[in-house]
C-alpha atoms as a PDB file:
ATOM      1  CA  UNK A   1     114.233 105.905 106.309  1.00  0.00           C
ATOM      2  CA  UNK A   2     111.273 103.729 105.304  1.00  0.00           C
ATOM      3  CA  UNK A   3     112.664 100.885 107.437  1.00  0.00           C
ATOM      4  CA  UNK A   4     113.036 103.220 110.430  1.00  0.00           C
ATOM      5  CA  UNK A   5     109.445 104.429 110.076  1.00  0.00           C
ATOM      6  CA  UNK A   6     108.234 100.804 109.877  1.00  0.00           C
ATOM      7  CA  UNK A   7     110.253  99.825 112.951  1.00  0.00           C
ATOM      8  CA  UNK A   8     108.903 102.805 114.892  1.00  0.00           C
ATOM      9  CA  UNK A   9     105.327 101.916 113.951  1.00  0.00           C
ATOM     10  CA  UNK A  10     105.785  98.330 115.137  1.00  0.00           C
ATOM     11  CA  UNK A  11     107.449  99.515 118.372  1.00  0.00           C
ATOM     12  CA  UNK A  12     104.641 102.009 119.056  1.00  0.00           C
ATOM     13  CA  UNK A  13     101.832  99.515 118.409  1.00  0.00           C
ATOM     14  CA  UNK A  14     103.372  96.645 120.377  1.00  0.00           C
ATOM     15  CA  UNK A  15     104.840  98.787 123.191  1.00  0.00           C
ATOM     16  CA  UNK A  16     101.372 100.119 123.989  1.00  0.00           C
ATOM     17  CA  UNK A  17     100.085  96.597 124.421  1.00  0.00           C
ATOM     18  CA  UNK A  18     102.877  95.540 126.760  1.00  0.00           C
ATOM     19  CA  UNK A  19     103.435  98.675 128.884  1.00  0.00           C
ATOM     20  CA  UNK A  20      99.920  99.735 129.832  1.00  0.00           C
ATOM     21  CA  UNK A  21      99.930  97.320 132.795  1.00  0.00           C
ATOM     22  CA  UNK A  22     102.404  98.093 135.613  1.00  0.00           C
ATOM     23  CA  UNK A  23     104.999  95.370 136.149  1.00  0.00           C
ATOM     24  CA  UNK A  24     103.948  94.926 139.783  1.00  0.00           C
ATOM     25  CA  UNK A  25     100.361  94.224 138.739  1.00  0.00           C
ATOM     26  CA  UNK A  26     101.329  91.485 136.305  1.00  0.00           C
ATOM     27  CA  UNK A  27     102.731  89.217 139.025  1.00  0.00           C
ATOM     28  CA  UNK A  28     100.332  89.766 141.902  1.00  0.00           C
ATOM     29  CA  UNK A  29      98.164  86.647 141.598  1.00  0.00           C
ATOM     30  CA  UNK A  30      98.865  83.691 143.870  1.00  0.00           C
ATOM     31  CA  UNK A  31      99.282  80.894 141.358  1.00  0.00           C
ATOM     32  CA  UNK A  32     102.814  80.461 140.057  1.00  0.00           C
ATOM     33  CA  UNK A  33     101.556  79.392 136.608  1.00  0.00           C
ATOM     34  CA  UNK A  34      99.709  81.999 134.592  1.00  0.00           C
ATOM     35  CA  UNK A  35      96.138  81.125 133.647  1.00  0.00           C
ATOM     36  CA  UNK A  36      95.903  80.069 130.022  1.00  0.00           C
ATOM     37  CA  UNK A  37      99.627  79.601 129.477  1.00  0.00           C
ATOM     38  CA  UNK A  38      99.283  75.830 128.967  1.00  0.00           C
ATOM     39  CA  UNK A  39      96.495  76.296 126.434  1.00  0.00           C
ATOM     40  CA  UNK A  40      98.708  78.687 124.468  1.00  0.00           C
ATOM     41  CA  UNK A  41     101.093  75.841 123.564  1.00  0.00           C
ATOM     42  CA  UNK A  42      98.732  72.867 123.398  1.00  0.00           C
ATOM     43  CA  UNK A  43      98.152  73.156 119.635  1.00  0.00           C
ATOM     44  CA  UNK A  44     101.816  72.897 118.611  1.00  0.00           C
ATOM     45  CA  UNK A  45     103.202  69.907 116.747  1.00  0.00           C
ATOM     46  CA  UNK A  46     105.842  69.200 119.382  1.00  0.00           C
ATOM     47  CA  UNK A  47     107.756  66.209 118.004  1.00  0.00           C
ATOM     48  CA  UNK A  48     107.003  66.729 114.318  1.00  0.00           C
ATOM     49  CA  UNK A  49     108.168  69.666 112.233  1.00  0.00           C
ATOM     50  CA  UNK A  50     106.507  71.873 114.821  1.00  0.00           C
ATOM     51  CA  UNK A  51     107.397  75.271 113.413  1.00  0.00           C
ATOM     52  CA  UNK A  52     110.295  77.523 114.320  1.00  0.00           C
ATOM     53  CA  UNK A  53     109.522  77.893 118.040  1.00  0.00           C
ATOM     54  CA  UNK A  54     109.496  74.133 118.614  1.00  0.00           C
ATOM     55  CA  UNK A  55     112.711  73.623 116.636  1.00  0.00           C
ATOM     56  CA  UNK A  56     114.447  76.396 118.584  1.00  0.00           C
ATOM     57  CA  UNK A  57     113.385  74.848 121.890  1.00  0.00           C
ATOM     58  CA  UNK A  58     114.572  71.381 120.878  1.00  0.00           C
ATOM     59  CA  UNK A  59     117.937  72.695 119.674  1.00  0.00           C
ATOM     60  CA  UNK A  60     118.483  74.353 123.068  1.00  0.00           C
ATOM     61  CA  UNK A  61     119.321  70.870 124.389  1.00  0.00           C
ATOM     62  CA  UNK A  62     122.794  71.245 122.891  1.00  0.00           C
ATOM     63  CA  UNK A  63     123.715  73.519 125.813  1.00  0.00           C
ATOM     64  CA  UNK A  64     121.134  72.887 128.521  1.00  0.00           C
ATOM     65  CA  UNK A  65     121.590  69.095 128.719  1.00  0.00           C
ATOM     66  CA  UNK A  66     125.364  69.500 129.312  1.00  0.00           C
ATOM     67  CA  UNK A  67     124.588  72.232 131.862  1.00  0.00           C
ATOM     68  CA  UNK A  68     122.380  69.907 133.914  1.00  0.00           C
ATOM     69  CA  UNK A  69     124.825  67.010 133.442  1.00  0.00           C
ATOM     70  CA  UNK A  70     127.778  69.079 134.664  1.00  0.00           C
ATOM     71  CA  UNK A  71     125.822  70.477 137.602  1.00  0.00           C
ATOM     72  CA  UNK A  72     124.788  67.012 138.782  1.00  0.00           C
ATOM     73  CA  UNK A  73     128.362  65.709 138.606  1.00  0.00           C
ATOM     74  CA  UNK A  74     130.035  68.747 140.186  1.00  0.00           C
ATOM     75  CA  UNK A  75     131.735  69.861 136.970  1.00  0.00           C
ATOM     76  CA  UNK A  76     132.131  73.441 135.638  1.00  0.00           C
ATOM     77  CA  UNK A  77     128.834  74.497 133.984  1.00  0.00           C
ATOM     78  CA  UNK A  78     130.309  74.976 130.511  1.00  0.00           C
ATOM     79  CA  UNK A  79     132.625  71.948 130.503  1.00  0.00           C
ATOM     80  CA  UNK A  80     132.398  69.606 127.524  1.00  0.00           C
ATOM     81  CA  UNK A  81     130.547  66.471 128.683  1.00  0.00           C
ATOM     82  CA  UNK A  82     132.509  63.239 128.819  1.00  0.00           C
ATOM     83  CA  UNK A  83     130.196  60.251 128.926  1.00  0.00           C
ATOM     84  CA  UNK A  84     132.463  57.492 130.245  1.00  0.00           C
ATOM     85  CA  UNK A  85     129.558  55.279 131.334  1.00  0.00           C
ATOM     86  CA  UNK A  86     126.374  54.227 129.514  1.00  0.00           C
ATOM     87  CA  UNK A  87     124.233  55.860 132.233  1.00  0.00           C
ATOM     88  CA  UNK A  88     126.454  58.524 133.834  1.00  0.00           C
ATOM     89  CA  UNK A  89     123.539  60.125 135.707  1.00  0.00           C
ATOM     90  CA  UNK A  90     122.422  56.867 137.327  1.00  0.00           C
ATOM     91  CA  UNK A  91     121.239  57.599 140.865  1.00  0.00           C
ATOM     92  CA  UNK A  92     120.578  61.309 140.210  1.00  0.00           C
ATOM     93  CA  UNK A  93     117.113  62.807 140.563  1.00  0.00           C
ATOM     94  CA  UNK A  94     115.846  65.734 138.467  1.00  0.00           C
ATOM     95  CA  UNK A  95     112.648  67.764 138.563  1.00  0.00           C
ATOM     96  CA  UNK A  96     111.791  69.261 135.164  1.00  0.00           C
ATOM     97  CA  UNK A  97     109.325  72.089 135.825  1.00  0.00           C
ATOM     98  CA  UNK A  98     107.139  72.993 132.865  1.00  0.00           C
ATOM     99  CA  UNK A  99     108.447  69.946 131.016  1.00  0.00           C
ATOM    100  CA  UNK A 100     106.113  70.401 128.042  1.00  0.00           C
ATOM    101  CA  UNK A 101     106.398  67.498 125.612  1.00  0.00           C
ATOM    102  CA  UNK A 102     109.548  66.165 127.289  1.00  0.00           C
ATOM    103  CA  UNK A 103     112.287  67.797 125.200  1.00  0.00           C
ATOM    104  CA  UNK A 104     114.637  68.048 128.198  1.00  0.00           C
ATOM    105  CA  UNK A 105     113.119  65.241 130.269  1.00  0.00           C
ATOM    106  CA  UNK A 106     113.909  62.480 127.761  1.00  0.00           C
ATOM    107  CA  UNK A 107     117.649  63.113 127.164  1.00  0.00           C
ATOM    108  CA  UNK A 108     118.288  63.425 130.913  1.00  0.00           C
ATOM    109  CA  UNK A 109     116.530  60.095 131.492  1.00  0.00           C
ATOM    110  CA  UNK A 110     118.524  58.538 128.641  1.00  0.00           C
ATOM    111  CA  UNK A 111     121.672  59.524 130.560  1.00  0.00           C
ATOM    112  CA  UNK A 112     120.382  57.538 133.538  1.00  0.00           C
ATOM    113  CA  UNK A 113     118.693  60.166 135.710  1.00  0.00           C
ATOM    114  CA  UNK A 114     115.343  59.598 137.358  1.00  0.00           C
ATOM    115  CA  UNK A 115     113.263  62.514 136.089  1.00  0.00           C
ATOM    116  CA  UNK A 116     109.897  63.822 137.192  1.00  0.00           C
ATOM    117  CA  UNK A 117     108.299  66.204 134.707  1.00  0.00           C
ATOM    118  CA  UNK A 118     105.479  68.467 135.846  1.00  0.00           C
ATOM    119  CA  UNK A 119     103.337  70.284 133.303  1.00  0.00           C
ATOM    120  CA  UNK A 120     100.002  72.073 133.921  1.00  0.00           C
ATOM    121  CA  UNK A 121      98.682  71.485 130.384  1.00  0.00           C
ATOM    122  CA  UNK A 122      97.042  68.075 130.001  1.00  0.00           C
ATOM    123  CA  UNK A 123      97.111  68.332 126.184  1.00  0.00           C
ATOM    124  CA  UNK A 124     100.861  69.001 126.034  1.00  0.00           C
ATOM    125  CA  UNK A 125     101.682  66.355 128.633  1.00  0.00           C
ATOM    126  CA  UNK A 126      99.684  63.754 126.698  1.00  0.00           C
ATOM    127  CA  UNK A 127     102.200  64.161 123.857  1.00  0.00           C
ATOM    128  CA  UNK A 128     105.080  63.336 126.218  1.00  0.00           C
ATOM    129  CA  UNK A 129     103.231  60.376 127.742  1.00  0.00           C
ATOM    130  CA  UNK A 130     102.480  58.815 124.351  1.00  0.00           C
ATOM    131  CA  UNK A 131     106.193  58.734 123.572  1.00  0.00           C
ATOM    132  CA  UNK A 132     106.884  56.719 126.726  1.00  0.00           C
ATOM    133  CA  UNK A 133     104.671  53.938 125.377  1.00  0.00           C
ATOM    134  CA  UNK A 134     107.283  53.426 122.644  1.00  0.00           C
ATOM    135  CA  UNK A 135     110.222  52.986 125.030  1.00  0.00           C
ATOM    136  CA  UNK A 136     109.667  50.889 128.204  1.00  0.00           C
ATOM    137  CA  UNK A 137     113.209  51.524 129.474  1.00  0.00           C
ATOM    138  CA  UNK A 138     112.747  55.264 129.199  1.00  0.00           C
ATOM    139  CA  UNK A 139     109.334  54.966 130.834  1.00  0.00           C
ATOM    140  CA  UNK A 140     110.976  53.350 133.873  1.00  0.00           C
ATOM    141  CA  UNK A 141     113.031  56.507 134.443  1.00  0.00           C
ATOM    142  CA  UNK A 142     110.381  59.167 133.798  1.00  0.00           C
ATOM    143  CA  UNK A 143     107.287  60.115 135.740  1.00  0.00           C
ATOM    144  CA  UNK A 144     104.989  62.753 134.284  1.00  0.00           C
ATOM    145  CA  UNK A 145     102.444  64.634 136.384  1.00  0.00           C
ATOM    146  CA  UNK A 146      99.817  67.070 135.175  1.00  0.00           C
ATOM    147  CA  UNK A 147      99.969  69.657 137.941  1.00  0.00           C
ATOM    148  CA  UNK A 148     101.424  72.987 138.915  1.00  0.00           C
ATOM    149  CA  UNK A 149     104.594  73.245 140.973  1.00  0.00           C
ATOM    150  CA  UNK A 150     102.704  74.248 144.107  1.00  0.00           C
ATOM    151  CA  UNK A 151     100.437  71.211 143.759  1.00  0.00           C
ATOM    152  CA  UNK A 152     103.497  68.965 143.504  1.00  0.00           C
ATOM    153  CA  UNK A 153     105.046  70.520 146.604  1.00  0.00           C
ATOM    154  CA  UNK A 154     101.850  69.772 148.540  1.00  0.00           C
ATOM    155  CA  UNK A 155     102.627  66.071 148.029  1.00  0.00           C
ATOM    156  CA  UNK A 156     105.809  66.590 150.115  1.00  0.00           C
ATOM    157  CA  UNK A 157     108.063  64.569 147.843  1.00  0.00           C
ATOM    158  CA  UNK A 158     111.708  64.073 148.713  1.00  0.00           C
ATOM    159  CA  UNK A 159     114.028  66.806 147.447  1.00  0.00           C
ATOM    160  CA  UNK A 160     115.798  66.537 144.070  1.00  0.00           C
ATOM    161  CA  UNK A 161     119.464  66.702 143.147  1.00  0.00           C
ATOM    162  CA  UNK A 162     118.624  69.255 140.450  1.00  0.00           C
ATOM    163  CA  UNK A 163     115.542  71.337 139.712  1.00  0.00           C
ATOM    164  CA  UNK A 164     115.253  72.789 136.207  1.00  0.00           C
ATOM    165  CA  UNK A 165     112.839  75.415 134.909  1.00  0.00           C
ATOM    166  CA  UNK A 166     113.770  76.107 131.290  1.00  0.00           C
ATOM    167  CA  UNK A 167     111.852  78.855 129.477  1.00  0.00           C
ATOM    168  CA  UNK A 168     109.192  78.863 132.199  1.00  0.00           C
ATOM    169  CA  UNK A 169     109.849  81.779 134.578  1.00  0.00           C
ATOM    170  CA  UNK A 170     108.739  84.378 132.008  1.00  0.00           C
ATOM    171  CA  UNK A 171     105.286  82.746 131.912  1.00  0.00           C
ATOM    172  CA  UNK A 172     104.445  82.693 135.636  1.00  0.00           C
ATOM    173  CA  UNK A 173     102.213  85.087 137.554  1.00  0.00           C
ATOM    174  CA  UNK A 174     103.931  85.073 140.922  1.00  0.00           C
ATOM    175  CA  UNK A 175     107.696  84.986 140.494  1.00  0.00           C
ATOM    176  CA  UNK A 176     108.449  85.140 144.211  1.00  0.00           C
ATOM    177  CA  UNK A 177     106.259  82.122 144.927  1.00  0.00           C
ATOM    178  CA  UNK A 178     107.704  80.270 141.938  1.00  0.00           C
ATOM    179  CA  UNK A 179     111.295  80.757 143.125  1.00  0.00           C
ATOM    180  CA  UNK A 180     110.343  79.727 146.646  1.00  0.00           C
ATOM    181  CA  UNK A 181     108.843  76.492 145.335  1.00  0.00           C
ATOM    182  CA  UNK A 182     111.896  75.761 143.192  1.00  0.00           C
ATOM    183  CA  UNK A 183     114.240  76.353 146.135  1.00  0.00           C
ATOM    184  CA  UNK A 184     112.245  74.186 148.500  1.00  0.00           C
ATOM    185  CA  UNK A 185     112.210  71.330 145.952  1.00  0.00           C
ATOM    186  CA  UNK A 186     115.985  70.839 145.811  1.00  0.00           C
ATOM    187  CA  UNK A 187     118.145  68.892 148.259  1.00  0.00           C
ATOM    188  CA  UNK A 188     120.921  70.612 150.228  1.00  0.00           C
ATOM    189  CA  UNK A 189     123.911  70.615 147.900  1.00  0.00           C
ATOM    190  CA  UNK A 190     121.654  70.435 144.834  1.00  0.00           C
ATOM    191  CA  UNK A 191     121.314  72.868 141.946  1.00  0.00           C
ATOM    192  CA  UNK A 192     118.533  75.102 140.650  1.00  0.00           C
ATOM    193  CA  UNK A 193     118.818  75.920 136.942  1.00  0.00           C
ATOM    194  CA  UNK A 194     116.700  78.398 135.005  1.00  0.00           C
ATOM    195  CA  UNK A 195     116.837  79.649 131.436  1.00  0.00           C
ATOM    196  CA  UNK A 196     114.734  82.682 130.627  1.00  0.00           C
ATOM    197  CA  UNK A 197     114.613  86.052 128.819  1.00  0.00           C
ATOM    198  CA  UNK A 198     115.981  89.377 129.992  1.00  0.00           C
ATOM    199  CA  UNK A 199     113.756  92.485 130.052  1.00  0.00           C
ATOM    200  CA  UNK A 200     115.671  94.803 127.730  1.00  0.00           C
ATOM    201  CA  UNK A 201     115.103  96.820 124.575  1.00  0.00           C
ATOM    202  CA  UNK A 202     117.040  94.119 122.702  1.00  0.00           C
ATOM    203  CA  UNK A 203     114.726  91.360 123.927  1.00  0.00           C
ATOM    204  CA  UNK A 204     111.658  93.410 123.023  1.00  0.00           C
ATOM    205  CA  UNK A 205     112.922  94.026 119.497  1.00  0.00           C
ATOM    206  CA  UNK A 206     114.143  90.446 119.028  1.00  0.00           C
ATOM    207  CA  UNK A 207     111.596  88.253 120.788  1.00  0.00           C
ATOM    208  CA  UNK A 208     108.382  90.272 120.520  1.00  0.00           C
ATOM    209  CA  UNK A 209     108.606  92.869 117.737  1.00  0.00           C
ATOM    210  CA  UNK A 210     110.818  90.702 115.537  1.00  0.00           C
ATOM    211  CA  UNK A 211     109.772  87.114 116.223  1.00  0.00           C
ATOM    212  CA  UNK A 212     106.062  87.726 116.877  1.00  0.00           C
ATOM    213  CA  UNK A 213     105.238  90.688 114.614  1.00  0.00           C
ATOM    214  CA  UNK A 214     107.753  91.241 111.810  1.00  0.00           C
ATOM    215  CA  UNK A 215     108.779  87.773 110.630  1.00  0.00           C
ATOM    216  CA  UNK A 216     106.599  86.240 112.349  1.00  0.00           C
ATOM    217  CA  UNK A 217     108.243  83.156 113.825  1.00  0.00           C
ATOM    218  CA  UNK A 218     106.080  82.906 116.955  1.00  0.00           C
ATOM    219  CA  UNK A 219     102.339  83.343 117.477  1.00  0.00           C
ATOM    220  CA  UNK A 220     101.496  86.833 118.662  1.00  0.00           C
ATOM    221  CA  UNK A 221     101.022  86.898 122.408  1.00  0.00           C
ATOM    222  CA  UNK A 222     103.476  84.062 123.100  1.00  0.00           C
ATOM    223  CA  UNK A 223     105.430  86.375 125.404  1.00  0.00           C
ATOM    224  CA  UNK A 224     104.729  89.437 127.502  1.00  0.00           C
ATOM    225  CA  UNK A 225     107.681  91.816 127.766  1.00  0.00           C
ATOM    226  CA  UNK A 226     106.594  92.960 131.227  1.00  0.00           C
ATOM    227  CA  UNK A 227     107.101  89.409 132.491  1.00  0.00           C
ATOM    228  CA  UNK A 228     110.667  89.098 131.251  1.00  0.00           C
ATOM    229  CA  UNK A 229     113.118  89.044 134.165  1.00  0.00           C
ATOM    230  CA  UNK A 230     116.512  90.688 134.478  1.00  0.00           C
ATOM    231  CA  UNK A 231     119.435  88.582 135.787  1.00  0.00           C
ATOM    232  CA  UNK A 232     119.680  90.956 138.752  1.00  0.00           C
ATOM    233  CA  UNK A 233     116.014  90.398 139.665  1.00  0.00           C
ATOM    234  CA  UNK A 234     116.349  86.645 139.317  1.00  0.00           C
ATOM    235  CA  UNK A 235     119.553  86.539 141.359  1.00  0.00           C
ATOM    236  CA  UNK A 236     117.998  88.632 144.132  1.00  0.00           C
ATOM    237  CA  UNK A 237     114.837  86.520 144.102  1.00  0.00           C
ATOM    238  CA  UNK A 238     116.766  83.267 144.416  1.00  0.00           C
ATOM    239  CA  UNK A 239     119.178  84.500 147.078  1.00  0.00           C
ATOM    240  CA  UNK A 240     116.269  85.761 149.155  1.00  0.00           C
ATOM    241  CA  UNK A 241     115.680  82.080 149.952  1.00  0.00           C
ATOM    242  CA  UNK A 242     117.636  80.869 152.949  1.00  0.00           C
ATOM    243  CA  UNK A 243     120.683  78.817 151.986  1.00  0.00           C
ATOM    244  CA  UNK A 244     120.470  79.555 148.241  1.00  0.00           C
ATOM    245  CA  UNK A 245     123.411  81.176 146.429  1.00  0.00           C
ATOM    246  CA  UNK A 246     123.727  81.988 142.712  1.00  0.00           C
ATOM    247  CA  UNK A 247     127.117  80.837 141.434  1.00  0.00           C
ATOM    248  CA  UNK A 248     126.828  81.214 137.639  1.00  0.00           C
ATOM    249  CA  UNK A 249     125.036  83.445 135.108  1.00  0.00           C
ATOM    250  CA  UNK A 250     125.667  83.235 131.359  1.00  0.00           C
ATOM    251  CA  UNK A 251     124.124  84.582 128.182  1.00  0.00           C
ATOM    252  CA  UNK A 252     122.699  82.291 125.500  1.00  0.00           C
ATOM    253  CA  UNK A 253     122.825  83.018 121.770  1.00  0.00           C
ATOM    254  CA  UNK A 254     120.902  81.314 118.976  1.00  0.00           C
ATOM    255  CA  UNK A 255     122.460  81.240 115.517  1.00  0.00           C
ATOM    256  CA  UNK A 256     119.589  81.137 112.988  1.00  0.00           C
ATOM    257  CA  UNK A 257     121.936  80.061 110.188  1.00  0.00           C
ATOM    258  CA  UNK A 258     123.051  76.877 111.960  1.00  0.00           C
ATOM    259  CA  UNK A 259     120.008  76.505 114.249  1.00  0.00           C
ATOM    260  CA  UNK A 260     122.420  76.034 117.148  1.00  0.00           C
ATOM    261  CA  UNK A 261     122.669  77.589 120.605  1.00  0.00           C
ATOM    262  CA  UNK A 262     125.934  78.703 122.209  1.00  0.00           C
ATOM    263  CA  UNK A 263     126.998  80.366 125.448  1.00  0.00           C
ATOM    264  CA  UNK A 264     127.561  84.108 125.183  1.00  0.00           C
ATOM    265  CA  UNK A 265     129.025  86.932 127.262  1.00  0.00           C
ATOM    266  CA  UNK A 266     125.865  88.956 126.622  1.00  0.00           C
ATOM    267  CA  UNK A 267     122.744  88.383 128.735  1.00  0.00           C
ATOM    268  CA  UNK A 268     120.753  91.031 126.845  1.00  0.00           C
ATOM    269  CA  UNK A 269     118.199  88.519 125.483  1.00  0.00           C
ATOM    270  CA  UNK A 270     118.414  84.871 126.589  1.00  0.00           C
ATOM    271  CA  UNK A 271     120.396  83.732 129.593  1.00  0.00           C
ATOM    272  CA  UNK A 272     120.860  80.859 132.029  1.00  0.00           C
ATOM    273  CA  UNK A 273     121.371  81.032 135.768  1.00  0.00           C
ATOM    274  CA  UNK A 274     122.435  78.402 138.292  1.00  0.00           C
ATOM    275  CA  UNK A 275     122.023  78.512 142.046  1.00  0.00           C
ATOM    276  CA  UNK A 276     123.110  76.041 144.695  1.00  0.00           C
ATOM    277  CA  UNK A 277     121.246  75.258 147.877  1.00  0.00           C
ATOM    278  CA  UNK A 278     124.042  75.171 150.425  1.00  0.00           C
ATOM    279  CA  UNK A 279     121.959  73.764 153.291  1.00  0.00           C
END
């Protein structure tokens, strides 16, 4: 009974904070990146111990790197990677949106891809750039740019074979604009991959009440529940773009005992989605 009363108190206090603003009002500003989001993460120790949030993000590579690899080579999304060549992604181009300190950018470049990472926070991007100074070969395959996605699109770069936005969509102001920019950045035949958080009671209790308030594993205010996105909303938003079709949606589950991610049948908290631009 005491535990139930405690849980209700946490729910009541946190729910008030996150439900006073209508969902439609949260995403009405023009910029696709929310003001202040980059500053929120600039103080983390990204490549050191970094705390729980950083370790969880880094461990996500165990499933998201194979997902990008398989998508670039036309393989089933959940297939076990088979690296028959030293640089199997040689000749492939990837745009890593909201690349942060380069957790996903670096392993994709190590597999041979040419990767452009865009990140609006100068402080976070400086961490990624310093690591390139230690590895000239890696530096030849990675280009980092401190800008928003809309600023990058204004440069009218050639389209990419794969555009990835991992754990980014739940931090943007204008989801419709964001999805439009992602779709217009990929070549015909290329893939758009997002990982994000569903807007459910389970995600509220797990990600916000649990991880930010009870334990706490994350700084309070890291996420806003009203900006979480259901798979149905994300699918509809992507397929509203001409020539874009969603072909795969899958839940993601983190095991805190092993610190490993795995694919799951449940999309109630974390999930991944892949769309293909057909023309």
